[in-house]
Amino acid sequence: MFIIIDHNAIKGTRFNAPNDLHRIDSDIVKKQMKQAGFKLVEEDFYFKNQKDTSGINVFTKDIRGKTDRFVYKFVKI
């Protein structure tokens, strides 16, 4: 079992967001985990925050600790 909790980036930002904003497009996570032989079995929204635009650095004072995050649970196939 593998659990990932990370900060959402705007869809389609590719690999710029992890380097610049410390965020990631959740579709990239799903794709890379599938390529590594894992299957997504659960997705939760405990840390969902619709007020977060997902376009600013997660360490910015106004958003720190309040970012829009995803929670994925994977199992090895």
PDB file of N, CA and C in Angstrom:
ATOM      1  N   MET A   1       0.844  -1.169   0.000  1.00  0.00           N
ATOM      2  CA  MET A   1       0.000   0.000   0.000  1.00  0.00           C
ATOM      3  C   MET A   1       0.894   1.240   0.000  1.00  0.00           C
ATOM      4  N   PHE A   2       0.438   2.260  -0.702  1.00  0.00           N
ATOM      5  CA  PHE A   2       1.208   3.490  -0.840  1.00  0.00           C
ATOM      6  C   PHE A   2       0.227   4.658  -0.770  1.00  0.00           C
ATOM      7  N   ILE A   3       0.417   5.562   0.171  1.00  0.00           N
ATOM      8  CA  ILE A   3      -0.455   6.721   0.340  1.00  0.00           C
ATOM      9  C   ILE A   3       0.307   7.983  -0.093  1.00  0.00           C
ATOM     10  N   ILE A   4      -0.349   8.813  -0.888  1.00  0.00           N
ATOM     11  CA  ILE A   4       0.254  10.081  -1.309  1.00  0.00           C
ATOM     12  C   ILE A   4      -0.684  11.213  -0.922  1.00  0.00           C
ATOM     13  N   ILE A   5      -0.136  12.184  -0.225  1.00  0.00           N
ATOM     14  CA  ILE A   5      -0.846  13.429   0.085  1.00  0.00           C
ATOM     15  C   ILE A   5       0.039  14.547  -0.460  1.00  0.00           C
ATOM     16  N   ASP A   6      -0.528  15.340  -1.350  1.00  0.00           N
ATOM     17  CA  ASP A   6       0.282  16.416  -1.931  1.00  0.00           C
ATOM     18  C   ASP A   6      -0.602  17.599  -2.286  1.00  0.00           C
ATOM     19  N   HIS A   7       0.047  18.715  -2.586  1.00  0.00           N
ATOM     20  CA  HIS A   7      -0.635  19.964  -2.913  1.00  0.00           C
ATOM     21  C   HIS A   7      -1.029  19.960  -4.388  1.00  0.00           C
ATOM     22  N   ASN A   8      -2.304  20.257  -4.666  1.00  0.00           N
ATOM     23  CA  ASN A   8      -2.774  20.325  -6.044  1.00  0.00           C
ATOM     24  C   ASN A   8      -2.170  21.492  -6.798  1.00  0.00           C
ATOM     25  N   ALA A   9      -1.809  21.221  -8.037  1.00  0.00           N
ATOM     26  CA  ALA A   9      -1.409  22.267  -8.973  1.00  0.00           C
ATOM     27  C   ALA A   9      -2.501  22.368 -10.024  1.00  0.00           C
ATOM     28  N   ILE A  10      -2.490  23.442 -10.755  1.00  0.00           N
ATOM     29  CA  ILE A  10      -3.441  23.624 -11.842  1.00  0.00           C
ATOM     30  C   ILE A  10      -3.204  22.534 -12.882  1.00  0.00           C
ATOM     31  N   LYS A  11      -4.296  21.917 -13.358  1.00  0.00           N
ATOM     32  CA  LYS A  11      -4.195  20.852 -14.361  1.00  0.00           C
ATOM     33  C   LYS A  11      -3.418  21.349 -15.578  1.00  0.00           C
ATOM     34  N   GLY A  12      -2.542  20.488 -16.071  1.00  0.00           N
ATOM     35  CA  GLY A  12      -1.768  20.815 -17.261  1.00  0.00           C
ATOM     36  C   GLY A  12      -0.486  21.582 -17.006  1.00  0.00           C
ATOM     37  N   THR A  13      -0.121  21.814 -15.746  1.00  0.00           N
ATOM     38  CA  THR A  13       1.101  22.570 -15.454  1.00  0.00           C
ATOM     39  C   THR A  13       2.363  21.747 -15.658  1.00  0.00           C
ATOM     40  N   ARG A  14       2.172  20.453 -15.902  1.00  0.00           N
ATOM     41  CA  ARG A  14       3.287  19.548 -16.171  1.00  0.00           C
ATOM     42  C   ARG A  14       4.275  19.565 -15.009  1.00  0.00           C
ATOM     43  N   PHE A  15       5.580  19.634 -15.321  1.00  0.00           N
ATOM     44  CA  PHE A  15       6.594  19.522 -14.268  1.00  0.00           C
ATOM     45  C   PHE A  15       7.135  20.869 -13.797  1.00  0.00           C
ATOM     46  N   ASN A  16       6.533  21.969 -14.223  1.00  0.00           N
ATOM     47  CA  ASN A  16       6.958  23.275 -13.741  1.00  0.00           C
ATOM     48  C   ASN A  16       6.474  23.533 -12.319  1.00  0.00           C
ATOM     49  N   ALA A  17       5.258  23.131 -12.022  1.00  0.00           N
ATOM     50  CA  ALA A  17       4.677  23.404 -10.702  1.00  0.00           C
ATOM     51  C   ALA A  17       5.470  22.780  -9.549  1.00  0.00           C
ATOM     52  N   PRO A  18       5.933  21.515  -9.662  1.00  0.00           N
ATOM     53  CA  PRO A  18       6.711  20.976  -8.537  1.00  0.00           C
ATOM     54  C   PRO A  18       7.976  21.795  -8.251  1.00  0.00           C
ATOM     55  N   ASN A  19       8.606  22.262  -9.287  1.00  0.00           N
ATOM     56  CA  ASN A  19       9.845  23.025  -9.106  1.00  0.00           C
ATOM     57  C   ASN A  19       9.595  24.447  -8.625  1.00  0.00           C
ATOM     58  N   ASP A  20       8.548  25.082  -9.148  1.00  0.00           N
ATOM     59  CA  ASP A  20       8.307  26.491  -8.851  1.00  0.00           C
ATOM     60  C   ASP A  20       7.383  26.723  -7.659  1.00  0.00           C
ATOM     61  N   LEU A  21       6.373  25.875  -7.511  1.00  0.00           N
ATOM     62  CA  LEU A  21       5.330  26.117  -6.510  1.00  0.00           C
ATOM     63  C   LEU A  21       5.245  25.066  -5.411  1.00  0.00           C
ATOM     64  N   HIS A  22       6.026  23.998  -5.540  1.00  0.00           N
ATOM     65  CA  HIS A  22       5.961  22.864  -4.606  1.00  0.00           C
ATOM     66  C   HIS A  22       4.579  22.213  -4.630  1.00  0.00           C
ATOM     67  N   ARG A  23       4.008  22.129  -5.830  1.00  0.00           N
ATOM     68  CA  ARG A  23       2.710  21.511  -6.078  1.00  0.00           C
ATOM     69  C   ARG A  23       2.872  20.544  -7.242  1.00  0.00           C
ATOM     70  N   ILE A  24       1.840  19.693  -7.463  1.00  0.00           N
ATOM     71  CA  ILE A  24       1.892  18.798  -8.612  1.00  0.00           C
ATOM     72  C   ILE A  24       0.480  18.572  -9.153  1.00  0.00           C
ATOM     73  N   ASP A  25       0.390  18.477 -10.455  1.00  0.00           N
ATOM     74  CA  ASP A  25      -0.854  18.113 -11.122  1.00  0.00           C
ATOM     75  C   ASP A  25      -1.163  16.669 -10.721  1.00  0.00           C
ATOM     76  N   SER A  26      -2.293  16.428 -10.108  1.00  0.00           N
ATOM     77  CA  SER A  26      -2.612  15.085  -9.598  1.00  0.00           C
ATOM     78  C   SER A  26      -2.676  14.039 -10.705  1.00  0.00           C
ATOM     79  N   ASP A  27      -2.936  14.456 -11.931  1.00  0.00           N
ATOM     80  CA  ASP A  27      -2.943  13.510 -13.058  1.00  0.00           C
ATOM     81  C   ASP A  27      -1.546  12.924 -13.298  1.00  0.00           C
ATOM     82  N   ILE A  28      -0.516  13.712 -13.046  1.00  0.00           N
ATOM     83  CA  ILE A  28       0.861  13.224 -13.189  1.00  0.00           C
ATOM     84  C   ILE A  28       1.127  12.128 -12.162  1.00  0.00           C
ATOM     85  N   VAL A  29       0.667  12.340 -10.940  1.00  0.00           N
ATOM     86  CA  VAL A  29       0.857  11.339  -9.882  1.00  0.00           C
ATOM     87  C   VAL A  29       0.185  10.031 -10.284  1.00  0.00           C
ATOM     88  N   LYS A  30      -1.053  10.118 -10.733  1.00  0.00           N
ATOM     89  CA  LYS A  30      -1.779   8.910 -11.138  1.00  0.00           C
ATOM     90  C   LYS A  30      -1.050   8.181 -12.270  1.00  0.00           C
ATOM     91  N   LYS A  31      -0.599   8.928 -13.253  1.00  0.00           N
ATOM     92  CA  LYS A  31       0.078   8.328 -14.407  1.00  0.00           C
ATOM     93  C   LYS A  31       1.390   7.659 -13.990  1.00  0.00           C
ATOM     94  N   GLN A  32       2.192   8.348 -13.199  1.00  0.00           N
ATOM     95  CA  GLN A  32       3.484   7.789 -12.796  1.00  0.00           C
ATOM     96  C   GLN A  32       3.324   6.579 -11.887  1.00  0.00           C
ATOM     97  N   MET A  33       2.335   6.611 -11.014  1.00  0.00           N
ATOM     98  CA  MET A  33       2.112   5.456 -10.142  1.00  0.00           C
ATOM     99  C   MET A  33       1.633   4.259 -10.958  1.00  0.00           C
ATOM    100  N   LYS A  34       0.802   4.483 -11.943  1.00  0.00           N
ATOM    101  CA  LYS A  34       0.352   3.392 -12.810  1.00  0.00           C
ATOM    102  C   LYS A  34       1.539   2.791 -13.557  1.00  0.00           C
ATOM    103  N   GLN A  35       2.422   3.657 -14.065  1.00  0.00           N
ATOM    104  CA  GLN A  35       3.613   3.189 -14.769  1.00  0.00           C
ATOM    105  C   GLN A  35       4.523   2.384 -13.852  1.00  0.00           C
ATOM    106  N   ALA A  36       4.498   2.686 -12.565  1.00  0.00           N
ATOM    107  CA  ALA A  36       5.329   1.970 -11.592  1.00  0.00           C
ATOM    108  C   ALA A  36       4.668   0.685 -11.087  1.00  0.00           C
ATOM    109  N   GLY A  37       3.475   0.375 -11.620  1.00  0.00           N
ATOM    110  CA  GLY A  37       2.815  -0.870 -11.248  1.00  0.00           C
ATOM    111  C   GLY A  37       1.850  -0.778 -10.087  1.00  0.00           C
ATOM    112  N   PHE A  38       1.336   0.406  -9.834  1.00  0.00           N
ATOM    113  CA  PHE A  38       0.375   0.599  -8.746  1.00  0.00           C
ATOM    114  C   PHE A  38      -1.003   0.922  -9.309  1.00  0.00           C
ATOM    115  N   LYS A  39      -2.027   0.573  -8.534  1.00  0.00           N
ATOM    116  CA  LYS A  39      -3.405   0.844  -8.914  1.00  0.00           C
ATOM    117  C   LYS A  39      -4.024   1.779  -7.876  1.00  0.00           C
ATOM    118  N   LEU A  40      -4.692   2.823  -8.340  1.00  0.00           N
ATOM    119  CA  LEU A  40      -5.398   3.734  -7.443  1.00  0.00           C
ATOM    120  C   LEU A  40      -6.650   3.033  -6.926  1.00  0.00           C
ATOM    121  N   VAL A  41      -6.768   2.886  -5.601  1.00  0.00           N
ATOM    122  CA  VAL A  41      -7.914   2.190  -5.022  1.00  0.00           C
ATOM    123  C   VAL A  41      -8.806   3.096  -4.178  1.00  0.00           C
ATOM    124  N   GLU A  42      -8.299   4.257  -3.806  1.00  0.00           N
ATOM    125  CA  GLU A  42      -9.110   5.168  -3.001  1.00  0.00           C
ATOM    126  C   GLU A  42      -8.619   6.594  -3.183  1.00  0.00           C
ATOM    127  N   GLU A  43      -9.567   7.511  -3.183  1.00  0.00           N
ATOM    128  CA  GLU A  43      -9.264   8.934  -3.314  1.00  0.00           C
ATOM    129  C   GLU A  43     -10.131   9.669  -2.305  1.00  0.00           C
ATOM    130  N   ASP A  44      -9.519  10.502  -1.469  1.00  0.00           N
ATOM    131  CA  ASP A  44     -10.266  11.246  -0.468  1.00  0.00           C
ATOM    132  C   ASP A  44      -9.986  12.734  -0.592  1.00  0.00           C
ATOM    133  N   PHE A  45     -10.897  13.504  -0.041  1.00  0.00           N
ATOM    134  CA  PHE A  45     -10.820  14.953  -0.181  1.00  0.00           C
ATOM    135  C   PHE A  45     -10.817  15.651   1.176  1.00  0.00           C
ATOM    136  N   TYR A  46     -10.168  15.023   2.153  1.00  0.00           N
ATOM    137  CA  TYR A  46     -10.093  15.590   3.499  1.00  0.00           C
ATOM    138  C   TYR A  46      -9.458  16.981   3.511  1.00  0.00           C
ATOM    139  N   PHE A  47      -8.513  17.191   2.619  1.00  0.00           N
ATOM    140  CA  PHE A  47      -7.757  18.440   2.613  1.00  0.00           C
ATOM    141  C   PHE A  47      -8.137  19.338   1.445  1.00  0.00           C
ATOM    142  N   LYS A  48      -9.335  19.166   0.907  1.00  0.00           N
ATOM    143  CA  LYS A  48      -9.801  19.976  -0.208  1.00  0.00           C
ATOM    144  C   LYS A  48     -10.040  21.403   0.270  1.00  0.00           C
ATOM    145  N   ASN A  49      -9.595  22.375  -0.514  1.00  0.00           N
ATOM    146  CA  ASN A  49      -9.821  23.787  -0.195  1.00  0.00           C
ATOM    147  C   ASN A  49     -10.081  24.533  -1.492  1.00  0.00           C
ATOM    148  N   GLN A  50     -11.333  24.790  -1.779  1.00  0.00           N
ATOM    149  CA  GLN A  50     -11.703  25.452  -3.024  1.00  0.00           C
ATOM    150  C   GLN A  50     -11.286  26.915  -3.072  1.00  0.00           C
ATOM    151  N   LYS A  51     -10.908  27.482  -1.945  1.00  0.00           N
ATOM    152  CA  LYS A  51     -10.443  28.875  -1.916  1.00  0.00           C
ATOM    153  C   LYS A  51      -9.009  29.004  -2.426  1.00  0.00           C
ATOM    154  N   ASP A  52      -8.284  27.891  -2.453  1.00  0.00           N
ATOM    155  CA  ASP A  52      -6.906  27.877  -2.948  1.00  0.00           C
ATOM    156  C   ASP A  52      -6.939  27.847  -4.477  1.00  0.00           C
ATOM    157  N   THR A  53      -6.295  28.800  -5.115  1.00  0.00           N
ATOM    158  CA  THR A  53      -6.282  28.862  -6.587  1.00  0.00           C
ATOM    159  C   THR A  53      -5.322  27.852  -7.201  1.00  0.00           C
ATOM    160  N   SER A  54      -4.496  27.215  -6.381  1.00  0.00           N
ATOM    161  CA  SER A  54      -3.498  26.226  -6.813  1.00  0.00           C
ATOM    162  C   SER A  54      -2.434  26.806  -7.727  1.00  0.00           C
ATOM    163  N   GLY A  55      -2.310  28.112  -7.755  1.00  0.00           N
ATOM    164  CA  GLY A  55      -1.339  28.756  -8.621  1.00  0.00           C
ATOM    165  C   GLY A  55      -0.253  29.528  -7.897  1.00  0.00           C
ATOM    166  N   ILE A  56      -0.214  29.429  -6.563  1.00  0.00           N
ATOM    167  CA  ILE A  56       0.835  30.131  -5.816  1.00  0.00           C
ATOM    168  C   ILE A  56       1.639  29.132  -4.986  1.00  0.00           C
ATOM    169  N   ASN A  57       2.827  29.536  -4.630  1.00  0.00           N
ATOM    170  CA  ASN A  57       3.731  28.698  -3.849  1.00  0.00           C
ATOM    171  C   ASN A  57       3.089  28.324  -2.521  1.00  0.00           C
ATOM    172  N   VAL A  58       3.219  27.056  -2.133  1.00  0.00           N
ATOM    173  CA  VAL A  58       2.581  26.561  -0.907  1.00  0.00           C
ATOM    174  C   VAL A  58       3.145  27.197   0.357  1.00  0.00           C
ATOM    175  N   PHE A  59       4.291  27.851   0.255  1.00  0.00           N
ATOM    176  CA  PHE A  59       4.907  28.487   1.412  1.00  0.00           C
ATOM    177  C   PHE A  59       4.538  29.960   1.546  1.00  0.00           C
ATOM    178  N   THR A  60       3.702  30.465   0.629  1.00  0.00           N
ATOM    179  CA  THR A  60       3.234  31.841   0.714  1.00  0.00           C
ATOM    180  C   THR A  60       2.427  32.007   2.002  1.00  0.00           C
ATOM    181  N   LYS A  61       2.689  33.071   2.722  1.00  0.00           N
ATOM    182  CA  LYS A  61       2.122  33.271   4.056  1.00  0.00           C
ATOM    183  C   LYS A  61       0.602  33.075   4.100  1.00  0.00           C
ATOM    184  N   ASP A  62      -0.137  33.624   3.173  1.00  0.00           N
ATOM    185  CA  ASP A  62      -1.598  33.578   3.216  1.00  0.00           C
ATOM    186  C   ASP A  62      -2.187  32.192   2.958  1.00  0.00           C
ATOM    187  N   ILE A  63      -1.434  31.296   2.310  1.00  0.00           N
ATOM    188  CA  ILE A  63      -1.973  29.977   1.955  1.00  0.00           C
ATOM    189  C   ILE A  63      -1.305  28.837   2.726  1.00  0.00           C
ATOM    190  N   ARG A  64      -0.164  29.100   3.310  1.00  0.00           N
ATOM    191  CA  ARG A  64       0.572  28.042   4.013  1.00  0.00           C
ATOM    192  C   ARG A  64      -0.322  27.349   5.048  1.00  0.00           C
ATOM    193  N   GLY A  65      -0.389  26.014   4.953  1.00  0.00           N
ATOM    194  CA  GLY A  65      -1.220  25.227   5.856  1.00  0.00           C
ATOM    195  C   GLY A  65      -2.680  25.154   5.452  1.00  0.00           C
ATOM    196  N   LYS A  66      -3.036  25.841   4.345  1.00  0.00           N
ATOM    197  CA  LYS A  66      -4.435  25.867   3.907  1.00  0.00           C
ATOM    198  C   LYS A  66      -4.563  25.540   2.417  1.00  0.00           C
ATOM    199  N   THR A  67      -3.590  24.837   1.872  1.00  0.00           N
ATOM    200  CA  THR A  67      -3.614  24.536   0.443  1.00  0.00           C
ATOM    201  C   THR A  67      -4.641  23.458   0.107  1.00  0.00           C
ATOM    202  N   ASP A  68      -4.990  23.402  -1.157  1.00  0.00           N
ATOM    203  CA  ASP A  68      -5.865  22.357  -1.683  1.00  0.00           C
ATOM    204  C   ASP A  68      -4.993  21.129  -1.933  1.00  0.00           C
ATOM    205  N   ARG A  69      -5.249  20.050  -1.194  1.00  0.00           N
ATOM    206  CA  ARG A  69      -4.424  18.840  -1.301  1.00  0.00           C
ATOM    207  C   ARG A  69      -5.273  17.625  -1.664  1.00  0.00           C
ATOM    208  N   PHE A  70      -4.629  16.663  -2.306  1.00  0.00           N
ATOM    209  CA  PHE A  70      -5.292  15.404  -2.632  1.00  0.00           C
ATOM    210  C   PHE A  70      -4.687  14.286  -1.799  1.00  0.00           C
ATOM    211  N   VAL A  71      -5.477  13.229  -1.603  1.00  0.00           N
ATOM    212  CA  VAL A  71      -5.049  12.037  -0.859  1.00  0.00           C
ATOM    213  C   VAL A  71      -5.368  10.825  -1.733  1.00  0.00           C
ATOM    214  N   TYR A  72      -4.341  10.103  -2.125  1.00  0.00           N
ATOM    215  CA  TYR A  72      -4.514   8.905  -2.950  1.00  0.00           C
ATOM    216  C   TYR A  72      -3.968   7.686  -2.223  1.00  0.00           C
ATOM    217  N   LYS A  73      -4.679   6.584  -2.371  1.00  0.00           N
ATOM    218  CA  LYS A  73      -4.221   5.300  -1.826  1.00  0.00           C
ATOM    219  C   LYS A  73      -4.029   4.346  -3.004  1.00  0.00           C
ATOM    220  N   PHE A  74      -2.825   3.836  -3.123  1.00  0.00           N
ATOM    221  CA  PHE A  74      -2.460   2.915  -4.203  1.00  0.00           C
ATOM    222  C   PHE A  74      -2.081   1.561  -3.622  1.00  0.00           C
ATOM    223  N   VAL A  75      -2.263   0.522  -4.418  1.00  0.00           N
ATOM    224  CA  VAL A  75      -1.763  -0.799  -4.061  1.00  0.00           C
ATOM    225  C   VAL A  75      -0.948  -1.311  -5.233  1.00  0.00           C
ATOM    226  N   LYS A  76       0.042  -2.136  -4.924  1.00  0.00           N
ATOM    227  CA  LYS A  76       0.883  -2.737  -5.958  1.00  0.00           C
ATOM    228  C   LYS A  76       0.088  -3.811  -6.684  1.00  0.00           C
ATOM    229  N   ILE A  77       0.126  -3.767  -8.000  1.00  0.00           N
ATOM    230  CA  ILE A  77      -0.592  -4.760  -8.806  1.00  0.00           C
ATOM    231  C   ILE A  77       0.234  -6.032  -8.903  1.00  0.00           C
TER     232      ILE A  77
END
